């Protein structure tokens, strides 16, 4: 077997493997009460998802971040001036 020619690029370092995305629960819609709590927590805690999770009480951090992402896009699209933390 021949050795790699001099000056050949080394293989790039392997990226850390991501966990495969698995849905553990069936999707559930946000109730009016959950959304109201989410909005209240957003005012108090900005993007501190763990505190928002504790305040809402019925959703995980992942669910809250997903909800927030969709909510922020909707707010920006509609231009209604709701609070969007930096």
PDB file of N, CA and C in Angstrom:
ATOM      1  N   UNK A   1       0.826  -1.194   0.000  1.00  0.00           N
ATOM      2  CA  UNK A   1       0.000   0.000   0.000  1.00  0.00           C
ATOM      3  C   UNK A   1       0.867   1.253   0.000  1.00  0.00           C
ATOM      4  N   UNK A   2       0.522   2.216  -0.794  1.00  0.00           N
ATOM      5  CA  UNK A   2       1.295   3.454  -0.853  1.00  0.00           C
ATOM      6  C   UNK A   2       0.816   4.407   0.224  1.00  0.00           C
ATOM      7  N   UNK A   3       1.759   5.137   0.791  1.00  0.00           N
ATOM      8  CA  UNK A   3       1.400   6.151   1.802  1.00  0.00           C
ATOM      9  C   UNK A   3       0.778   7.339   1.094  1.00  0.00           C
ATOM     10  N   UNK A   4       0.017   8.139   1.835  1.00  0.00           N
ATOM     11  CA  UNK A   4      -0.599   9.338   1.260  1.00  0.00           C
ATOM     12  C   UNK A   4       0.501  10.280   0.794  1.00  0.00           C
ATOM     13  N   UNK A   5       0.325  10.938  -0.352  1.00  0.00           N
ATOM     14  CA  UNK A   5       1.367  11.833  -0.850  1.00  0.00           C
ATOM     15  C   UNK A   5       1.632  12.967   0.135  1.00  0.00           C
ATOM     16  N   UNK A   6       2.868  13.459   0.147  1.00  0.00           N
ATOM     17  CA  UNK A   6       3.220  14.567   1.043  1.00  0.00           C
ATOM     18  C   UNK A   6       2.343  15.768   0.719  1.00  0.00           C
ATOM     19  N   UNK A   7       1.899  16.472   1.748  1.00  0.00           N
ATOM     20  CA  UNK A   7       1.067  17.662   1.541  1.00  0.00           C
ATOM     21  C   UNK A   7      -0.410  17.338   1.383  1.00  0.00           C
ATOM     22  N   UNK A   8      -0.802  16.058   1.473  1.00  0.00           N
ATOM     23  CA  UNK A   8      -2.218  15.696   1.363  1.00  0.00           C
ATOM     24  C   UNK A   8      -2.945  16.209   2.607  1.00  0.00           C
ATOM     25  N   UNK A   9      -4.113  16.747   2.415  1.00  0.00           N
ATOM     26  CA  UNK A   9      -4.882  17.307   3.541  1.00  0.00           C
ATOM     27  C   UNK A   9      -5.331  16.189   4.470  1.00  0.00           C
ATOM     28  N   UNK A  10      -5.191  16.437   5.742  1.00  0.00           N
ATOM     29  CA  UNK A  10      -5.682  15.477   6.732  1.00  0.00           C
ATOM     30  C   UNK A  10      -7.204  15.539   6.743  1.00  0.00           C
ATOM     31  N   UNK A  11      -7.843  14.453   7.125  1.00  0.00           N
ATOM     32  CA  UNK A  11      -9.306  14.446   7.202  1.00  0.00           C
ATOM     33  C   UNK A  11      -9.747  15.467   8.256  1.00  0.00           C
ATOM     34  N   UNK A  12     -10.812  16.227   7.984  1.00  0.00           N
ATOM     35  CA  UNK A  12     -11.269  17.221   8.976  1.00  0.00           C
ATOM     36  C   UNK A  12     -11.726  16.511  10.250  1.00  0.00           C
ATOM     37  N   UNK A  13     -11.571  17.171  11.407  1.00  0.00           N
ATOM     38  CA  UNK A  13     -12.002  16.529  12.660  1.00  0.00           C
ATOM     39  C   UNK A  13     -13.498  16.217  12.606  1.00  0.00           C
ATOM     40  N   UNK A  14     -13.868  15.066  13.131  1.00  0.00           N
ATOM     41  CA  UNK A  14     -15.273  14.651  13.096  1.00  0.00           C
ATOM     42  C   UNK A  14     -16.112  15.560  13.974  1.00  0.00           C
ATOM     43  N   UNK A  15     -17.285  15.962  13.478  1.00  0.00           N
ATOM     44  CA  UNK A  15     -18.208  16.782  14.271  1.00  0.00           C
ATOM     45  C   UNK A  15     -18.852  15.909  15.333  1.00  0.00           C
ATOM     46  N   UNK A  16     -19.209  16.519  16.438  1.00  0.00           N
ATOM     47  CA  UNK A  16     -19.900  15.789  17.500  1.00  0.00           C
ATOM     48  C   UNK A  16     -21.252  15.334  16.949  1.00  0.00           C
ATOM     49  N   UNK A  17     -21.544  14.063  17.084  1.00  0.00           N
ATOM     50  CA  UNK A  17     -22.787  13.518  16.539  1.00  0.00           C
ATOM     51  C   UNK A  17     -23.983  14.049  17.320  1.00  0.00           C
ATOM     52  N   UNK A  18     -25.010  14.452  16.600  1.00  0.00           N
ATOM     53  CA  UNK A  18     -26.236  14.916  17.246  1.00  0.00           C
ATOM     54  C   UNK A  18     -27.129  13.730  17.549  1.00  0.00           C
ATOM     55  N   UNK A  19     -27.839  13.855  18.671  1.00  0.00           N
ATOM     56  CA  UNK A  19     -28.805  12.813  19.008  1.00  0.00           C
ATOM     57  C   UNK A  19     -29.910  12.824  17.962  1.00  0.00           C
ATOM     58  N   UNK A  20     -30.375  11.673  17.534  1.00  0.00           N
ATOM     59  CA  UNK A  20     -31.483  11.692  16.570  1.00  0.00           C
ATOM     60  C   UNK A  20     -32.728  12.307  17.213  1.00  0.00           C
ATOM     61  N   UNK A  21     -33.479  13.053  16.420  1.00  0.00           N
ATOM     62  CA  UNK A  21     -34.673  13.731  16.927  1.00  0.00           C
ATOM     63  C   UNK A  21     -35.800  12.721  17.044  1.00  0.00           C
ATOM     64  N   UNK A  22     -36.275  12.544  18.250  1.00  0.00           N
ATOM     65  CA  UNK A  22     -37.387  11.620  18.436  1.00  0.00           C
ATOM     66  C   UNK A  22     -38.527  12.336  19.136  1.00  0.00           C
ATOM     67  N   UNK A  23     -39.702  12.119  18.630  1.00  0.00           N
ATOM     68  CA  UNK A  23     -40.896  12.702  19.242  1.00  0.00           C
ATOM     69  C   UNK A  23     -41.354  11.724  20.316  1.00  0.00           C
ATOM     70  N   UNK A  24     -41.364  12.203  21.547  1.00  0.00           N
ATOM     71  CA  UNK A  24     -41.703  11.307  22.651  1.00  0.00           C
ATOM     72  C   UNK A  24     -43.181  11.386  23.015  1.00  0.00           C
ATOM     73  N   UNK A  25     -43.808  12.496  22.651  1.00  0.00           N
ATOM     74  CA  UNK A  25     -45.231  12.659  22.971  1.00  0.00           C
ATOM     75  C   UNK A  25     -45.972  13.082  21.716  1.00  0.00           C
ATOM     76  N   UNK A  26     -47.251  12.811  21.696  1.00  0.00           N
ATOM     77  CA  UNK A  26     -48.094  13.310  20.622  1.00  0.00           C
ATOM     78  C   UNK A  26     -48.157  14.837  20.752  1.00  0.00           C
ATOM     79  N   UNK A  27     -48.189  15.535  19.636  1.00  0.00           N
ATOM     80  CA  UNK A  27     -48.286  16.998  19.692  1.00  0.00           C
ATOM     81  C   UNK A  27     -49.587  17.414  20.357  1.00  0.00           C
ATOM     82  N   UNK A  28     -49.482  18.433  21.195  1.00  0.00           N
ATOM     83  CA  UNK A  28     -50.671  18.966  21.845  1.00  0.00           C
ATOM     84  C   UNK A  28     -50.740  20.457  21.560  1.00  0.00           C
ATOM     85  N   UNK A  29     -51.913  20.951  21.282  1.00  0.00           N
ATOM     86  CA  UNK A  29     -52.083  22.379  21.070  1.00  0.00           C
ATOM     87  C   UNK A  29     -51.926  23.103  22.400  1.00  0.00           C
ATOM     88  N   UNK A  30     -51.537  24.367  22.304  1.00  0.00           N
ATOM     89  CA  UNK A  30     -51.447  25.201  23.499  1.00  0.00           C
ATOM     90  C   UNK A  30     -52.837  25.727  23.817  1.00  0.00           C
ATOM     91  N   UNK A  31     -53.252  25.617  25.063  1.00  0.00           N
ATOM     92  CA  UNK A  31     -54.543  26.165  25.465  1.00  0.00           C
ATOM     93  C   UNK A  31     -54.401  27.679  25.610  1.00  0.00           C
ATOM     94  N   UNK A  32     -55.525  28.362  25.658  1.00  0.00           N
ATOM     95  CA  UNK A  32     -55.502  29.815  25.867  1.00  0.00           C
ATOM     96  C   UNK A  32     -54.793  30.145  27.183  1.00  0.00           C
ATOM     97  N   UNK A  33     -55.047  29.327  28.208  1.00  0.00           N
ATOM     98  CA  UNK A  33     -54.437  29.556  29.526  1.00  0.00           C
ATOM     99  C   UNK A  33     -52.914  29.386  29.453  1.00  0.00           C
ATOM    100  N   UNK A  34     -52.463  28.322  28.776  1.00  0.00           N
ATOM    101  CA  UNK A  34     -51.020  28.089  28.649  1.00  0.00           C
ATOM    102  C   UNK A  34     -50.366  29.234  27.884  1.00  0.00           C
ATOM    103  N   UNK A  35     -51.014  29.694  26.814  1.00  0.00           N
ATOM    104  CA  UNK A  35     -50.446  30.786  26.021  1.00  0.00           C
ATOM    105  C   UNK A  35     -50.402  32.074  26.842  1.00  0.00           C
ATOM    106  N   UNK A  36     -51.444  32.324  27.621  1.00  0.00           N
ATOM    107  CA  UNK A  36     -51.469  33.523  28.474  1.00  0.00           C
ATOM    108  C   UNK A  36     -50.332  33.471  29.497  1.00  0.00           C
ATOM    109  N   UNK A  37     -50.119  32.297  30.088  1.00  0.00           N
ATOM    110  CA  UNK A  37     -49.011  32.135  31.047  1.00  0.00           C
ATOM    111  C   UNK A  37     -47.671  32.320  30.342  1.00  0.00           C
ATOM    112  N   UNK A  38     -47.556  31.787  29.131  1.00  0.00           N
ATOM    113  CA  UNK A  38     -46.342  31.939  28.337  1.00  0.00           C
ATOM    114  C   UNK A  38     -46.043  33.429  28.114  1.00  0.00           C
ATOM    115  N   UNK A  39     -47.056  34.193  27.718  1.00  0.00           N
ATOM    116  CA  UNK A  39     -46.866  35.626  27.466  1.00  0.00           C
ATOM    117  C   UNK A  39     -46.462  36.366  28.741  1.00  0.00           C
ATOM    118  N   UNK A  40     -47.099  36.012  29.846  1.00  0.00           N
ATOM    119  CA  UNK A  40     -46.786  36.641  31.132  1.00  0.00           C
ATOM    120  C   UNK A  40     -45.335  36.323  31.525  1.00  0.00           C
ATOM    121  N   UNK A  41     -44.946  35.062  31.379  1.00  0.00           N
ATOM    122  CA  UNK A  41     -43.587  34.644  31.728  1.00  0.00           C
ATOM    123  C   UNK A  41     -42.554  35.301  30.809  1.00  0.00           C
ATOM    124  N   UNK A  42     -42.920  35.473  29.545  1.00  0.00           N
ATOM    125  CA  UNK A  42     -42.022  36.109  28.583  1.00  0.00           C
ATOM    126  C   UNK A  42     -41.719  37.542  29.017  1.00  0.00           C
ATOM    127  N   UNK A  43     -42.732  38.241  29.515  1.00  0.00           N
ATOM    128  CA  UNK A  43     -42.547  39.614  30.011  1.00  0.00           C
ATOM    129  C   UNK A  43     -41.588  39.629  31.203  1.00  0.00           C
ATOM    130  N   UNK A  44     -41.738  38.634  32.097  1.00  0.00           N
ATOM    131  CA  UNK A  44     -40.949  38.616  33.329  1.00  0.00           C
ATOM    132  C   UNK A  44     -39.536  38.080  33.119  1.00  0.00           C
ATOM    133  N   UNK A  45     -39.396  37.029  32.289  1.00  0.00           N
ATOM    134  CA  UNK A  45     -38.128  36.302  32.222  1.00  0.00           C
ATOM    135  C   UNK A  45     -37.401  36.398  30.885  1.00  0.00           C
ATOM    136  N   UNK A  46     -37.927  37.172  29.932  1.00  0.00           N
ATOM    137  CA  UNK A  46     -37.352  37.247  28.589  1.00  0.00           C
ATOM    138  C   UNK A  46     -37.148  35.838  28.024  1.00  0.00           C
ATOM    139  N   UNK A  47     -35.922  35.449  27.683  1.00  0.00           N
ATOM    140  CA  UNK A  47     -35.701  34.139  27.056  1.00  0.00           C
ATOM    141  C   UNK A  47     -35.133  33.110  28.030  1.00  0.00           C
ATOM    142  N   UNK A  48     -35.443  33.249  29.303  1.00  0.00           N
ATOM    143  CA  UNK A  48     -34.994  32.246  30.284  1.00  0.00           C
ATOM    144  C   UNK A  48     -36.003  31.103  30.253  1.00  0.00           C
ATOM    145  N   UNK A  49     -35.756  30.152  29.327  1.00  0.00           N
ATOM    146  CA  UNK A  49     -36.735  29.095  29.040  1.00  0.00           C
ATOM    147  C   UNK A  49     -37.026  28.221  30.249  1.00  0.00           C
ATOM    148  N   UNK A  50     -36.015  27.974  31.104  1.00  0.00           N
ATOM    149  CA  UNK A  50     -36.242  27.123  32.283  1.00  0.00           C
ATOM    150  C   UNK A  50     -37.234  27.788  33.240  1.00  0.00           C
ATOM    151  N   UNK A  51     -37.101  29.100  33.427  1.00  0.00           N
ATOM    152  CA  UNK A  51     -38.040  29.813  34.308  1.00  0.00           C
ATOM    153  C   UNK A  51     -39.433  29.833  33.689  1.00  0.00           C
ATOM    154  N   UNK A  52     -39.495  30.014  32.375  1.00  0.00           N
ATOM    155  CA  UNK A  52     -40.790  30.017  31.684  1.00  0.00           C
ATOM    156  C   UNK A  52     -41.430  28.633  31.811  1.00  0.00           C
ATOM    157  N   UNK A  53     -40.612  27.581  31.679  1.00  0.00           N
ATOM    158  CA  UNK A  53     -41.112  26.211  31.822  1.00  0.00           C
ATOM    159  C   UNK A  53     -41.743  26.024  33.205  1.00  0.00           C
ATOM    160  N   UNK A  54     -41.054  26.487  34.240  1.00  0.00           N
ATOM    161  CA  UNK A  54     -41.584  26.366  35.608  1.00  0.00           C
ATOM    162  C   UNK A  54     -42.880  27.152  35.762  1.00  0.00           C
ATOM    163  N   UNK A  55     -42.929  28.340  35.158  1.00  0.00           N
ATOM    164  CA  UNK A  55     -44.107  29.205  35.287  1.00  0.00           C
ATOM    165  C   UNK A  55     -45.315  28.613  34.568  1.00  0.00           C
ATOM    166  N   UNK A  56     -45.101  28.140  33.327  1.00  0.00           N
ATOM    167  CA  UNK A  56     -46.214  27.553  32.554  1.00  0.00           C
ATOM    168  C   UNK A  56     -46.637  26.234  33.194  1.00  0.00           C
ATOM    169  N   UNK A  57     -45.645  25.399  33.520  1.00  0.00           N
ATOM    170  CA  UNK A  57     -45.906  24.184  34.275  1.00  0.00           C
ATOM    171  C   UNK A  57     -46.365  22.966  33.499  1.00  0.00           C
ATOM    172  N   UNK A  58     -46.847  23.137  32.275  1.00  0.00           N
ATOM    173  CA  UNK A  58     -47.391  21.992  31.534  1.00  0.00           C
ATOM    174  C   UNK A  58     -46.630  21.697  30.242  1.00  0.00           C
ATOM    175  N   UNK A  59     -45.586  22.474  29.942  1.00  0.00           N
ATOM    176  CA  UNK A  59     -44.830  22.302  28.696  1.00  0.00           C
ATOM    177  C   UNK A  59     -43.340  22.195  29.006  1.00  0.00           C
ATOM    178  N   UNK A  60     -42.619  21.475  28.128  1.00  0.00           N
ATOM    179  CA  UNK A  60     -41.175  21.331  28.288  1.00  0.00           C
ATOM    180  C   UNK A  60     -40.465  22.539  27.684  1.00  0.00           C
ATOM    181  N   UNK A  61     -39.169  22.678  28.003  1.00  0.00           N
ATOM    182  CA  UNK A  61     -38.365  23.759  27.439  1.00  0.00           C
ATOM    183  C   UNK A  61     -38.398  23.699  25.908  1.00  0.00           C
ATOM    184  N   UNK A  62     -38.286  22.490  25.356  1.00  0.00           N
ATOM    185  CA  UNK A  62     -38.305  22.333  23.897  1.00  0.00           C
ATOM    186  C   UNK A  62     -39.622  22.826  23.313  1.00  0.00           C
ATOM    187  N   UNK A  63     -40.727  22.468  23.953  1.00  0.00           N
ATOM    188  CA  UNK A  63     -42.043  22.911  23.472  1.00  0.00           C
ATOM    189  C   UNK A  63     -42.167  24.428  23.578  1.00  0.00           C
ATOM    190  N   UNK A  64     -41.643  24.994  24.660  1.00  0.00           N
ATOM    191  CA  UNK A  64     -41.725  26.442  24.867  1.00  0.00           C
ATOM    192  C   UNK A  64     -40.893  27.187  23.834  1.00  0.00           C
ATOM    193  N   UNK A  65     -39.682  26.675  23.570  1.00  0.00           N
ATOM    194  CA  UNK A  65     -38.829  27.336  22.573  1.00  0.00           C
ATOM    195  C   UNK A  65     -39.458  27.282  21.188  1.00  0.00           C
ATOM    196  N   UNK A  66     -40.071  26.150  20.855  1.00  0.00           N
ATOM    197  CA  UNK A  66     -40.738  26.013  19.567  1.00  0.00           C
ATOM    198  C   UNK A  66     -41.921  26.982  19.476  1.00  0.00           C
ATOM    199  N   UNK A  67     -42.700  27.052  20.545  1.00  0.00           N
ATOM    200  CA  UNK A  67     -43.854  27.956  20.591  1.00  0.00           C
ATOM    201  C   UNK A  67     -43.381  29.408  20.469  1.00  0.00           C
ATOM    202  N   UNK A  68     -42.312  29.730  21.173  1.00  0.00           N
ATOM    203  CA  UNK A  68     -41.771  31.096  21.147  1.00  0.00           C
ATOM    204  C   UNK A  68     -41.302  31.459  19.740  1.00  0.00           C
ATOM    205  N   UNK A  69     -40.613  30.521  19.081  1.00  0.00           N
ATOM    206  CA  UNK A  69     -40.113  30.781  17.731  1.00  0.00           C
ATOM    207  C   UNK A  69     -41.264  31.115  16.787  1.00  0.00           C
ATOM    208  N   UNK A  70     -42.330  30.330  16.852  1.00  0.00           N
ATOM    209  CA  UNK A  70     -43.495  30.576  15.985  1.00  0.00           C
ATOM    210  C   UNK A  70     -44.192  31.880  16.378  1.00  0.00           C
ATOM    211  N   UNK A  71     -44.282  32.130  17.688  1.00  0.00           N
ATOM    212  CA  UNK A  71     -44.926  33.351  18.178  1.00  0.00           C
ATOM    213  C   UNK A  71     -44.156  34.594  17.717  1.00  0.00           C
ATOM    214  N   UNK A  72     -42.817  34.569  17.840  1.00  0.00           N
ATOM    215  CA  UNK A  72     -42.006  35.721  17.442  1.00  0.00           C
ATOM    216  C   UNK A  72     -42.140  35.990  15.949  1.00  0.00           C
ATOM    217  N   UNK A  73     -42.149  34.922  15.139  1.00  0.00           N
ATOM    218  CA  UNK A  73     -42.318  35.107  13.692  1.00  0.00           C
ATOM    219  C   UNK A  73     -43.665  35.736  13.380  1.00  0.00           C
ATOM    220  N   UNK A  74     -44.710  35.281  14.070  1.00  0.00           N
ATOM    221  CA  UNK A  74     -46.055  35.813  13.860  1.00  0.00           C
ATOM    222  C   UNK A  74     -46.113  37.294  14.255  1.00  0.00           C
ATOM    223  N   UNK A  75     -45.506  37.626  15.391  1.00  0.00           N
ATOM    224  CA  UNK A  75     -45.490  39.018  15.864  1.00  0.00           C
ATOM    225  C   UNK A  75     -44.769  39.908  14.851  1.00  0.00           C
ATOM    226  N   UNK A  76     -43.605  39.451  14.378  1.00  0.00           N
ATOM    227  CA  UNK A  76     -42.843  40.250  13.419  1.00  0.00           C
ATOM    228  C   UNK A  76     -43.600  40.417  12.104  1.00  0.00           C
ATOM    229  N   UNK A  77     -44.265  39.341  11.671  1.00  0.00           N
ATOM    230  CA  UNK A  77     -45.024  39.373  10.413  1.00  0.00           C
ATOM    231  C   UNK A  77     -46.204  40.336  10.512  1.00  0.00           C
ATOM    232  N   UNK A  78     -46.912  40.270  11.650  1.00  0.00           N
ATOM    233  CA  UNK A  78     -48.102  41.097  11.820  1.00  0.00           C
ATOM    234  C   UNK A  78     -47.785  42.534  12.228  1.00  0.00           C
ATOM    235  N   UNK A  79     -46.577  42.741  12.783  1.00  0.00           N
ATOM    236  CA  UNK A  79     -46.172  44.082  13.180  1.00  0.00           C
ATOM    237  C   UNK A  79     -47.097  44.695  14.220  1.00  0.00           C
ATOM    238  N   UNK A  80     -47.599  43.894  15.157  1.00  0.00           N
ATOM    239  CA  UNK A  80     -48.553  44.405  16.137  1.00  0.00           C
ATOM    240  C   UNK A  80     -47.883  44.975  17.385  1.00  0.00           C
ATOM    241  N   UNK A  81     -46.549  44.881  17.467  1.00  0.00           N
ATOM    242  CA  UNK A  81     -45.833  45.524  18.557  1.00  0.00           C
ATOM    243  C   UNK A  81     -45.801  44.797  19.883  1.00  0.00           C
ATOM    244  N   UNK A  82     -46.150  43.498  19.912  1.00  0.00           N
ATOM    245  CA  UNK A  82     -46.048  42.748  21.161  1.00  0.00           C
ATOM    246  C   UNK A  82     -44.589  42.646  21.576  1.00  0.00           C
ATOM    247  N   UNK A  83     -44.378  42.340  22.855  1.00  0.00           N
ATOM    248  CA  UNK A  83     -43.036  42.240  23.422  1.00  0.00           C
ATOM    249  C   UNK A  83     -42.284  41.048  22.831  1.00  0.00           C
ATOM    250  N   UNK A  84     -41.127  41.320  22.220  1.00  0.00           N
ATOM    251  CA  UNK A  84     -40.237  40.258  21.761  1.00  0.00           C
ATOM    252  C   UNK A  84     -38.884  40.513  22.427  1.00  0.00           C
ATOM    253  N   UNK A  85     -38.498  39.646  23.379  1.00  0.00           N
ATOM    254  CA  UNK A  85     -37.227  39.886  24.076  1.00  0.00           C
ATOM    255  C   UNK A  85     -36.038  39.788  23.127  1.00  0.00           C
ATOM    256  N   UNK A  86     -34.970  40.518  23.441  1.00  0.00           N
ATOM    257  CA  UNK A  86     -33.782  40.513  22.566  1.00  0.00           C
ATOM    258  C   UNK A  86     -33.106  39.151  22.519  1.00  0.00           C
TER     259      UNK A  86
END
